[in-house]
Amino acid sequence: MARPALASVAQPCVWMRAGVLRYRLCTRDYDCDNCPLDAALRWDGQTRPDPVPPPEPAPVFPDDRHYAAGHTWLKAVAHSDEGAWRLGIDALAAAMVADARVVRWDETPWVVQPGDTVCTLDVGLGLLNVRSPVRARILRDNDLLRLHPGRVVTAPYDAGWLVELAPLNPRDLEGLLTAEVAREAAVRDLRNFRRAVALSLLHEPEGENGDSGGDLAVRDLRWLLGGCHYVEFLGELVH
């Protein structure tokens, strides 16, 4: 749904006037120096845009677990006779998901390979598959999420875990990331995600919701891209 007041206050973006964008309104009073879209369009793929955008705050990554490049984590279950590890999504993935309405495990196989789906999240705009980073035997799912799926987002490192699994080869865990490395990767991935979103807007006259865009903060990305487009980008980040 369009914001009715926007057209009465916004002016054409400078990139629209230059003929680069077909349609884009500016809601920042031409404060281009602090506009993420302007920074993305000026980026040459090698050097940072001028001016340099402020650094993103580092997401929280507890030191008591391993992390995967697809923004999932694994943590050993204390005193488990089955060698169980819990799997969940990290803080960046939780922030980008923003809204977990249903968690489904219906088609989860007993044994999964790296990249196999362990559960599916209904994020309100579409379905997101969460995958295993290791070869493992699935032990159980988190029954709490059947009644409270939002815990995936509000408590990703605690009550919002997704499944318990037993790695079939403990050496696979050696290829996962430490908290420090995962934290650095998350900051980089968020910047790349926002840049990809900004560049994708070059091909759309308006967002699916009829809005013309503006700040690319996390809270705005869902309505900037709209439904399935957002989930497609999210699926490239969380895997």
C-alpha atoms as a PDB file:
ATOM      1  CA  MET A   1       0.000   0.000   0.000  1.00  0.00           C
ATOM      2  CA  ALA A   2       1.403   3.395  -0.980  1.00  0.00           C
ATOM      3  CA  ARG A   3       2.092   6.081   1.559  1.00  0.00           C
ATOM      4  CA  PRO A   4      -0.354   8.820   0.557  1.00  0.00           C
ATOM      5  CA  ALA A   5       1.660  11.669   1.996  1.00  0.00           C
ATOM      6  CA  LEU A   6       4.860  10.739   0.163  1.00  0.00           C
ATOM      7  CA  ALA A   7       4.094  12.221  -3.245  1.00  0.00           C
ATOM      8  CA  SER A   8       3.178  15.607  -1.764  1.00  0.00           C
ATOM      9  CA  VAL A   9       6.549  16.064  -0.044  1.00  0.00           C
ATOM     10  CA  ALA A  10       9.071  14.057  -2.076  1.00  0.00           C
ATOM     11  CA  GLN A  11      11.028  15.294  -5.094  1.00  0.00           C
ATOM     12  CA  PRO A  12      12.576  13.304  -7.969  1.00  0.00           C
ATOM     13  CA  CYS A  13      15.814  11.557  -7.032  1.00  0.00           C
ATOM     14  CA  VAL A  14      18.929  13.025  -8.667  1.00  0.00           C
ATOM     15  CA  TRP A  15      19.537   9.636 -10.283  1.00  0.00           C
ATOM     16  CA  MET A  16      16.086   9.793 -11.860  1.00  0.00           C
ATOM     17  CA  ARG A  17      16.860  13.262 -13.211  1.00  0.00           C
ATOM     18  CA  ALA A  18      20.130  11.899 -14.608  1.00  0.00           C
ATOM     19  CA  GLY A  19      18.198   9.196 -16.451  1.00  0.00           C
ATOM     20  CA  VAL A  20      19.690   6.261 -14.500  1.00  0.00           C
ATOM     21  CA  LEU A  21      16.467   5.397 -12.660  1.00  0.00           C
ATOM     22  CA  ARG A  22      13.090   5.283 -14.366  1.00  0.00           C
ATOM     23  CA  TYR A  23      11.247   6.335 -11.236  1.00  0.00           C
ATOM     24  CA  ARG A  24      12.533   7.147  -7.766  1.00  0.00           C
ATOM     25  CA  LEU A  25      11.510   9.832  -5.313  1.00  0.00           C
ATOM     26  CA  CYS A  26      13.783  11.390  -2.706  1.00  0.00           C
ATOM     27  CA  THR A  27      12.496  11.502   0.845  1.00  0.00           C
ATOM     28  CA  ARG A  28      15.803  12.663   2.345  1.00  0.00           C
ATOM     29  CA  ASP A  29      15.681  16.313   1.257  1.00  0.00           C
ATOM     30  CA  TYR A  30      18.572  15.599  -1.148  1.00  0.00           C
ATOM     31  CA  ASP A  31      20.928  14.501   1.626  1.00  0.00           C
ATOM     32  CA  CYS A  32      22.828  12.352  -0.875  1.00  0.00           C
ATOM     33  CA  ASP A  33      25.941  12.101   1.296  1.00  0.00           C
ATOM     34  CA  ASN A  34      24.032   9.899   3.739  1.00  0.00           C
ATOM     35  CA  CYS A  35      21.880   8.001   1.234  1.00  0.00           C
ATOM     36  CA  PRO A  36      22.681   4.243   0.960  1.00  0.00           C
ATOM     37  CA  LEU A  37      21.172   4.077  -2.532  1.00  0.00           C
ATOM     38  CA  ASP A  38      23.418   6.902  -3.732  1.00  0.00           C
ATOM     39  CA  ALA A  39      26.449   5.175  -2.175  1.00  0.00           C
ATOM     40  CA  ALA A  40      25.589   1.883  -3.882  1.00  0.00           C
ATOM     41  CA  LEU A  41      25.159   3.515  -7.287  1.00  0.00           C
ATOM     42  CA  ARG A  42      28.507   5.277  -7.004  1.00  0.00           C
ATOM     43  CA  TRP A  43      30.339   2.121  -5.926  1.00  0.00           C
ATOM     44  CA  ASP A  44      32.718   0.801  -8.614  1.00  0.00           C
ATOM     45  CA  GLY A  45      33.114  -2.690  -7.159  1.00  0.00           C
ATOM     46  CA  GLN A  46      36.647  -2.063  -5.914  1.00  0.00           C
ATOM     47  CA  THR A  47      36.805   1.078  -3.804  1.00  0.00           C
ATOM     48  CA  ARG A  48      34.350   2.338  -1.234  1.00  0.00           C
ATOM     49  CA  PRO A  49      31.856   5.026  -2.229  1.00  0.00           C
ATOM     50  CA  ASP A  50      32.720   8.587  -1.298  1.00  0.00           C
ATOM     51  CA  PRO A  51      31.733   9.457   1.382  1.00  0.00           C
ATOM     52  CA  VAL A  52      32.322   6.191   3.251  1.00  0.00           C
ATOM     53  CA  PRO A  53      29.102   4.972   4.916  1.00  0.00           C
ATOM     54  CA  PRO A  54      29.318   4.578   8.703  1.00  0.00           C
ATOM     55  CA  PRO A  55      30.162   1.035   9.837  1.00  0.00           C
ATOM     56  CA  GLU A  56      27.316  -1.296  10.748  1.00  0.00           C
ATOM     57  CA  PRO A  57      27.002  -2.294  14.414  1.00  0.00           C
ATOM     58  CA  ALA A  58      28.339  -5.816  14.875  1.00  0.00           C
ATOM     59  CA  PRO A  59      25.570  -8.387  15.535  1.00  0.00           C
ATOM     60  CA  VAL A  60      25.804 -10.455  18.716  1.00  0.00           C
ATOM     61  CA  PHE A  61      27.598 -13.793  18.318  1.00  0.00           C
ATOM     62  CA  PRO A  62      28.065 -15.835  21.535  1.00  0.00           C
ATOM     63  CA  ASP A  63      31.414 -17.598  21.850  1.00  0.00           C
ATOM     64  CA  ASP A  64      29.946 -20.908  23.034  1.00  0.00           C
ATOM     65  CA  ARG A  65      29.027 -22.312  19.611  1.00  0.00           C
ATOM     66  CA  HIS A  66      30.134 -22.776  15.999  1.00  0.00           C
ATOM     67  CA  TYR A  67      28.754 -20.790  13.055  1.00  0.00           C
ATOM     68  CA  ALA A  68      28.179 -21.539   9.377  1.00  0.00           C
ATOM     69  CA  ALA A  69      28.570 -19.201   6.421  1.00  0.00           C
ATOM     70  CA  GLY A  70      24.827 -19.483   5.773  1.00  0.00           C
ATOM     71  CA  HIS A  71      24.090 -17.749   9.112  1.00  0.00           C
ATOM     72  CA  THR A  72      23.214 -20.784  11.170  1.00  0.00           C
ATOM     73  CA  TRP A  73      24.887 -22.015  14.361  1.00  0.00           C
ATOM     74  CA  LEU A  74      25.562 -25.306  16.117  1.00  0.00           C
ATOM     75  CA  LYS A  75      25.950 -25.767  19.870  1.00  0.00           C
ATOM     76  CA  ALA A  76      26.642 -29.003  21.729  1.00  0.00           C
ATOM     77  CA  VAL A  77      23.883 -30.143  24.091  1.00  0.00           C
ATOM     78  CA  ALA A  78      25.395 -30.667  27.533  1.00  0.00           C
ATOM     79  CA  HIS A  79      25.402 -34.228  28.901  1.00  0.00           C
ATOM     80  CA  SER A  80      23.792 -35.676  25.769  1.00  0.00           C
ATOM     81  CA  ASP A  81      24.239 -39.431  25.333  1.00  0.00           C
ATOM     82  CA  GLU A  82      23.327 -39.026  21.658  1.00  0.00           C
ATOM     83  CA  GLY A  83      26.039 -36.511  20.867  1.00  0.00           C
ATOM     84  CA  ALA A  84      23.326 -33.949  20.141  1.00  0.00           C
ATOM     85  CA  TRP A  85      23.939 -30.459  18.834  1.00  0.00           C
ATOM     86  CA  ARG A  86      21.299 -27.755  18.530  1.00  0.00           C
ATOM     87  CA  LEU A  87      20.981 -25.806  15.283  1.00  0.00           C
ATOM     88  CA  GLY A  88      19.483 -22.331  14.917  1.00  0.00           C
ATOM     89  CA  ILE A  89      19.857 -19.102  12.965  1.00  0.00           C
ATOM     90  CA  ASP A  90      22.230 -16.339  14.049  1.00  0.00           C
ATOM     91  CA  ALA A  91      21.407 -12.775  15.098  1.00  0.00           C
ATOM     92  CA  LEU A  92      21.780 -11.318  11.592  1.00  0.00           C
ATOM     93  CA  ALA A  93      19.488 -13.935  10.068  1.00  0.00           C
ATOM     94  CA  ALA A  94      16.931 -13.364  12.828  1.00  0.00           C
ATOM     95  CA  ALA A  95      16.960  -9.608  12.196  1.00  0.00           C
ATOM     96  CA  MET A  96      16.502 -10.110   8.463  1.00  0.00           C
ATOM     97  CA  VAL A  97      13.745 -12.717   8.894  1.00  0.00           C
ATOM     98  CA  ALA A  98      11.959 -10.305  11.273  1.00  0.00           C
ATOM     99  CA  ASP A  99       8.717 -12.287  11.303  1.00  0.00           C
ATOM    100  CA  ALA A 100       8.535 -16.074  11.727  1.00  0.00           C
ATOM    101  CA  ARG A 101       4.892 -17.154  11.598  1.00  0.00           C
ATOM    102  CA  VAL A 102       5.152 -20.910  11.165  1.00  0.00           C
ATOM    103  CA  VAL A 103       8.005 -23.431  11.413  1.00  0.00           C
ATOM    104  CA  ARG A 104       7.618 -26.677   9.438  1.00  0.00           C
ATOM    105  CA  TRP A 105       9.669 -29.874   9.715  1.00  0.00           C
ATOM    106  CA  ASP A 106       7.278 -32.159   7.805  1.00  0.00           C
ATOM    107  CA  GLU A 107       9.668 -33.180   5.016  1.00  0.00           C
ATOM    108  CA  THR A 108      12.871 -33.325   7.073  1.00  0.00           C
ATOM    109  CA  PRO A 109      14.774 -36.592   6.301  1.00  0.00           C
ATOM    110  CA  TRP A 110      16.267 -38.689   9.067  1.00  0.00           C
ATOM    111  CA  VAL A 111      19.812 -38.104   7.741  1.00  0.00           C
ATOM    112  CA  VAL A 112      20.777 -34.827   6.084  1.00  0.00           C
ATOM    113  CA  GLN A 113      23.756 -33.820   3.978  1.00  0.00           C
ATOM    114  CA  PRO A 114      25.329 -30.339   4.023  1.00  0.00           C
ATOM    115  CA  GLY A 115      22.861 -28.050   2.277  1.00  0.00           C
ATOM    116  CA  ASP A 116      19.802 -30.229   2.928  1.00  0.00           C
ATOM    117  CA  THR A 117      16.740 -28.492   4.370  1.00  0.00           C
ATOM    118  CA  VAL A 118      16.094 -29.166   8.060  1.00  0.00           C
ATOM    119  CA  CYS A 119      13.043 -26.917   8.394  1.00  0.00           C
ATOM    120  CA  THR A 120      11.096 -24.200   6.601  1.00  0.00           C
ATOM    121  CA  LEU A 121      10.129 -20.816   8.020  1.00  0.00           C
ATOM    122  CA  ASP A 122       7.025 -18.963   6.914  1.00  0.00           C
ATOM    123  CA  VAL A 123       8.294 -15.370   7.139  1.00  0.00           C
ATOM    124  CA  GLY A 124       5.016 -13.757   6.152  1.00  0.00           C
ATOM    125  CA  LEU A 125       6.179 -12.896   2.629  1.00  0.00           C
ATOM    126  CA  GLY A 126       7.072 -16.427   1.594  1.00  0.00           C
ATOM    127  CA  LEU A 127       8.925 -19.568   2.698  1.00  0.00           C
ATOM    128  CA  LEU A 128      12.578 -19.712   3.736  1.00  0.00           C
ATOM    129  CA  ASN A 129      14.483 -23.016   3.887  1.00  0.00           C
ATOM    130  CA  VAL A 130      17.026 -23.419   6.676  1.00  0.00           C
ATOM    131  CA  ARG A 131      19.722 -25.952   5.817  1.00  0.00           C
ATOM    132  CA  SER A 132      22.177 -28.116   7.687  1.00  0.00           C
ATOM    133  CA  PRO A 133      25.851 -27.084   7.480  1.00  0.00           C
ATOM    134  CA  VAL A 134      27.036 -30.663   8.225  1.00  0.00           C
ATOM    135  CA  ARG A 135      26.156 -34.278   7.516  1.00  0.00           C
ATOM    136  CA  ALA A 136      24.041 -35.349  10.460  1.00  0.00           C
ATOM    137  CA  ARG A 137      21.251 -37.465  11.845  1.00  0.00           C
ATOM    138  CA  ILE A 138      18.169 -35.476  12.851  1.00  0.00           C
ATOM    139  CA  LEU A 139      17.162 -36.286  16.427  1.00  0.00           C
ATOM    140  CA  ARG A 140      14.209 -34.007  17.172  1.00  0.00           C
ATOM    141  CA  ASP A 141      12.679 -30.634  16.433  1.00  0.00           C
ATOM    142  CA  ASN A 142      11.891 -27.818  18.858  1.00  0.00           C
ATOM    143  CA  ASP A 143       8.288 -28.501  19.805  1.00  0.00           C
ATOM    144  CA  LEU A 144       8.007 -25.077  21.477  1.00  0.00           C
ATOM    145  CA  LEU A 145       8.096 -23.428  18.060  1.00  0.00           C
ATOM    146  CA  ARG A 146       4.842 -25.086  17.026  1.00  0.00           C
ATOM    147  CA  LEU A 147       3.046 -22.771  19.444  1.00  0.00           C
ATOM    148  CA  HIS A 148       5.544 -19.893  19.530  1.00  0.00           C
ATOM    149  CA  PRO A 149       7.313 -19.654  16.139  1.00  0.00           C
ATOM    150  CA  GLY A 150       8.285 -16.050  16.839  1.00  0.00           C
ATOM    151  CA  ARG A 151      10.940 -17.293  19.264  1.00  0.00           C
ATOM    152  CA  VAL A 152      13.082 -18.003  16.192  1.00  0.00           C
ATOM    153  CA  VAL A 153      13.416 -14.223  15.858  1.00  0.00           C
ATOM    154  CA  THR A 154      13.157 -13.029  19.464  1.00  0.00           C
ATOM    155  CA  ALA A 155      15.399 -15.719  21.016  1.00  0.00           C
ATOM    156  CA  PRO A 156      17.538 -17.137  18.174  1.00  0.00           C
ATOM    157  CA  TYR A 157      20.315 -18.369  20.491  1.00  0.00           C
ATOM    158  CA  ASP A 158      18.090 -19.804  23.205  1.00  0.00           C
ATOM    159  CA  ALA A 159      14.439 -20.909  22.990  1.00  0.00           C
ATOM    160  CA  GLY A 160      14.372 -20.350  19.219  1.00  0.00           C
ATOM    161  CA  TRP A 161      16.634 -23.268  18.253  1.00  0.00           C
ATOM    162  CA  LEU A 162      15.264 -25.282  15.327  1.00  0.00           C
ATOM    163  CA  VAL A 163      16.430 -28.902  15.520  1.00  0.00           C
ATOM    164  CA  GLU A 164      18.740 -31.173  17.458  1.00  0.00           C
ATOM    165  CA  LEU A 165      21.039 -33.280  15.330  1.00  0.00           C
ATOM    166  CA  ALA A 166      24.005 -35.603  15.725  1.00  0.00           C
ATOM    167  CA  PRO A 167      26.906 -34.906  13.307  1.00  0.00           C
ATOM    168  CA  LEU A 168      27.997 -38.103  11.553  1.00  0.00           C
ATOM    169  CA  ASN A 169      31.566 -36.887  11.183  1.00  0.00           C
ATOM    170  CA  PRO A 170      32.855 -34.665  14.020  1.00  0.00           C
ATOM    171  CA  ARG A 171      35.583 -33.363  11.696  1.00  0.00           C
ATOM    172  CA  ASP A 172      32.880 -31.475   9.763  1.00  0.00           C
ATOM    173  CA  LEU A 173      32.625 -29.122  12.729  1.00  0.00           C
ATOM    174  CA  GLU A 174      36.222 -28.049  12.152  1.00  0.00           C
ATOM    175  CA  GLY A 175      35.156 -26.268   8.974  1.00  0.00           C
ATOM    176  CA  LEU A 176      32.710 -23.995  10.796  1.00  0.00           C
ATOM    177  CA  LEU A 177      33.414 -20.435  11.942  1.00  0.00           C
ATOM    178  CA  THR A 178      34.382 -19.000  15.309  1.00  0.00           C
ATOM    179  CA  ALA A 179      32.233 -16.262  16.809  1.00  0.00           C
ATOM    180  CA  GLU A 180      34.801 -13.600  15.899  1.00  0.00           C
ATOM    181  CA  VAL A 181      35.003 -14.655  12.253  1.00  0.00           C
ATOM    182  CA  ALA A 182      31.221 -15.027  12.021  1.00  0.00           C
ATOM    183  CA  ARG A 183      30.725 -11.543  13.471  1.00  0.00           C
ATOM    184  CA  GLU A 184      33.025 -10.003  10.861  1.00  0.00           C
ATOM    185  CA  ALA A 185      31.337 -11.976   8.084  1.00  0.00           C
ATOM    186  CA  ALA A 186      27.902 -10.822   9.232  1.00  0.00           C
ATOM    187  CA  VAL A 187      28.850  -7.147   8.983  1.00  0.00           C
ATOM    188  CA  ARG A 188      30.226  -7.736   5.491  1.00  0.00           C
ATOM    189  CA  ASP A 189      27.219  -9.796   4.409  1.00  0.00           C
ATOM    190  CA  LEU A 190      24.781  -7.140   5.624  1.00  0.00           C
ATOM    191  CA  ARG A 191      26.577  -4.468   3.607  1.00  0.00           C
ATOM    192  CA  ASN A 192      26.570  -6.664   0.514  1.00  0.00           C
ATOM    193  CA  PHE A 193      22.895  -7.504   1.057  1.00  0.00           C
ATOM    194  CA  ARG A 194      21.930  -3.834   1.197  1.00  0.00           C
ATOM    195  CA  ARG A 195      24.058  -3.051  -1.843  1.00  0.00           C
ATOM    196  CA  ALA A 196      22.377  -5.854  -3.802  1.00  0.00           C
ATOM    197  CA  VAL A 197      18.964  -4.521  -2.778  1.00  0.00           C
ATOM    198  CA  ALA A 198      19.875  -1.006  -3.871  1.00  0.00           C
ATOM    199  CA  LEU A 199      21.124  -2.179  -7.254  1.00  0.00           C
ATOM    200  CA  SER A 200      18.039  -4.348  -7.776  1.00  0.00           C
ATOM    201  CA  LEU A 201      15.884  -1.247  -7.412  1.00  0.00           C
ATOM    202  CA  LEU A 202      17.401   0.032 -10.652  1.00  0.00           C
ATOM    203  CA  HIS A 203      15.207  -2.454 -12.486  1.00  0.00           C
ATOM    204  CA  GLU A 204      11.959  -1.613 -10.693  1.00  0.00           C
ATOM    205  CA  PRO A 205       9.968   1.608 -11.193  1.00  0.00           C
ATOM    206  CA  GLU A 206       8.429   1.183  -7.738  1.00  0.00           C
ATOM    207  CA  GLY A 207       8.341  -1.329  -4.912  1.00  0.00           C
ATOM    208  CA  GLU A 208       5.527  -3.859  -4.939  1.00  0.00           C
ATOM    209  CA  ASN A 209       3.804  -1.809  -2.279  1.00  0.00           C
ATOM    210  CA  GLY A 210       3.748   1.307  -4.458  1.00  0.00           C
ATOM    211  CA  ASP A 211       6.408   3.085  -2.409  1.00  0.00           C
ATOM    212  CA  SER A 212       9.407   4.771  -3.926  1.00  0.00           C
ATOM    213  CA  GLY A 213      12.047   3.769  -1.437  1.00  0.00           C
ATOM    214  CA  GLY A 214      14.371   5.767   0.743  1.00  0.00           C
ATOM    215  CA  ASP A 215      16.559   4.617   3.612  1.00  0.00           C
ATOM    216  CA  LEU A 216      17.757   1.001   3.283  1.00  0.00           C
ATOM    217  CA  ALA A 217      17.600   0.181   6.995  1.00  0.00           C
ATOM    218  CA  VAL A 218      16.778  -3.443   7.837  1.00  0.00           C
ATOM    219  CA  ARG A 219      13.250  -2.518   8.911  1.00  0.00           C
ATOM    220  CA  ASP A 220      12.539  -1.047   5.454  1.00  0.00           C
ATOM    221  CA  LEU A 221      13.919  -3.783   3.208  1.00  0.00           C
ATOM    222  CA  ARG A 222      10.764  -5.896   3.326  1.00  0.00           C
ATOM    223  CA  TRP A 223       8.511  -3.169   1.879  1.00  0.00           C
ATOM    224  CA  LEU A 224      11.185  -1.828  -0.461  1.00  0.00           C
ATOM    225  CA  LEU A 225      11.473  -5.159  -2.277  1.00  0.00           C
ATOM    226  CA  GLY A 226       8.086  -6.612  -1.492  1.00  0.00           C
ATOM    227  CA  GLY A 227       6.989 -10.239  -1.056  1.00  0.00           C
ATOM    228  CA  CYS A 228       8.786 -12.878  -3.078  1.00  0.00           C
ATOM    229  CA  HIS A 229      11.682 -10.585  -4.066  1.00  0.00           C
ATOM    230  CA  TYR A 230      12.659 -10.097  -0.439  1.00  0.00           C
ATOM    231  CA  VAL A 231      12.492 -13.831   0.277  1.00  0.00           C
ATOM    232  CA  GLU A 232      14.702 -14.535  -2.758  1.00  0.00           C
ATOM    233  CA  PHE A 233      17.377 -12.186  -1.416  1.00  0.00           C
ATOM    234  CA  LEU A 234      16.956 -13.623   2.072  1.00  0.00           C
ATOM    235  CA  GLY A 235      17.422 -17.159   0.761  1.00  0.00           C
ATOM    236  CA  GLU A 236      20.809 -16.170  -0.663  1.00  0.00           C
ATOM    237  CA  LEU A 237      21.856 -14.844   2.748  1.00  0.00           C
ATOM    238  CA  VAL A 238      20.472 -17.629   4.977  1.00  0.00           C
ATOM    239  CA  HIS A 239      21.282 -21.126   3.738  1.00  0.00           C
END
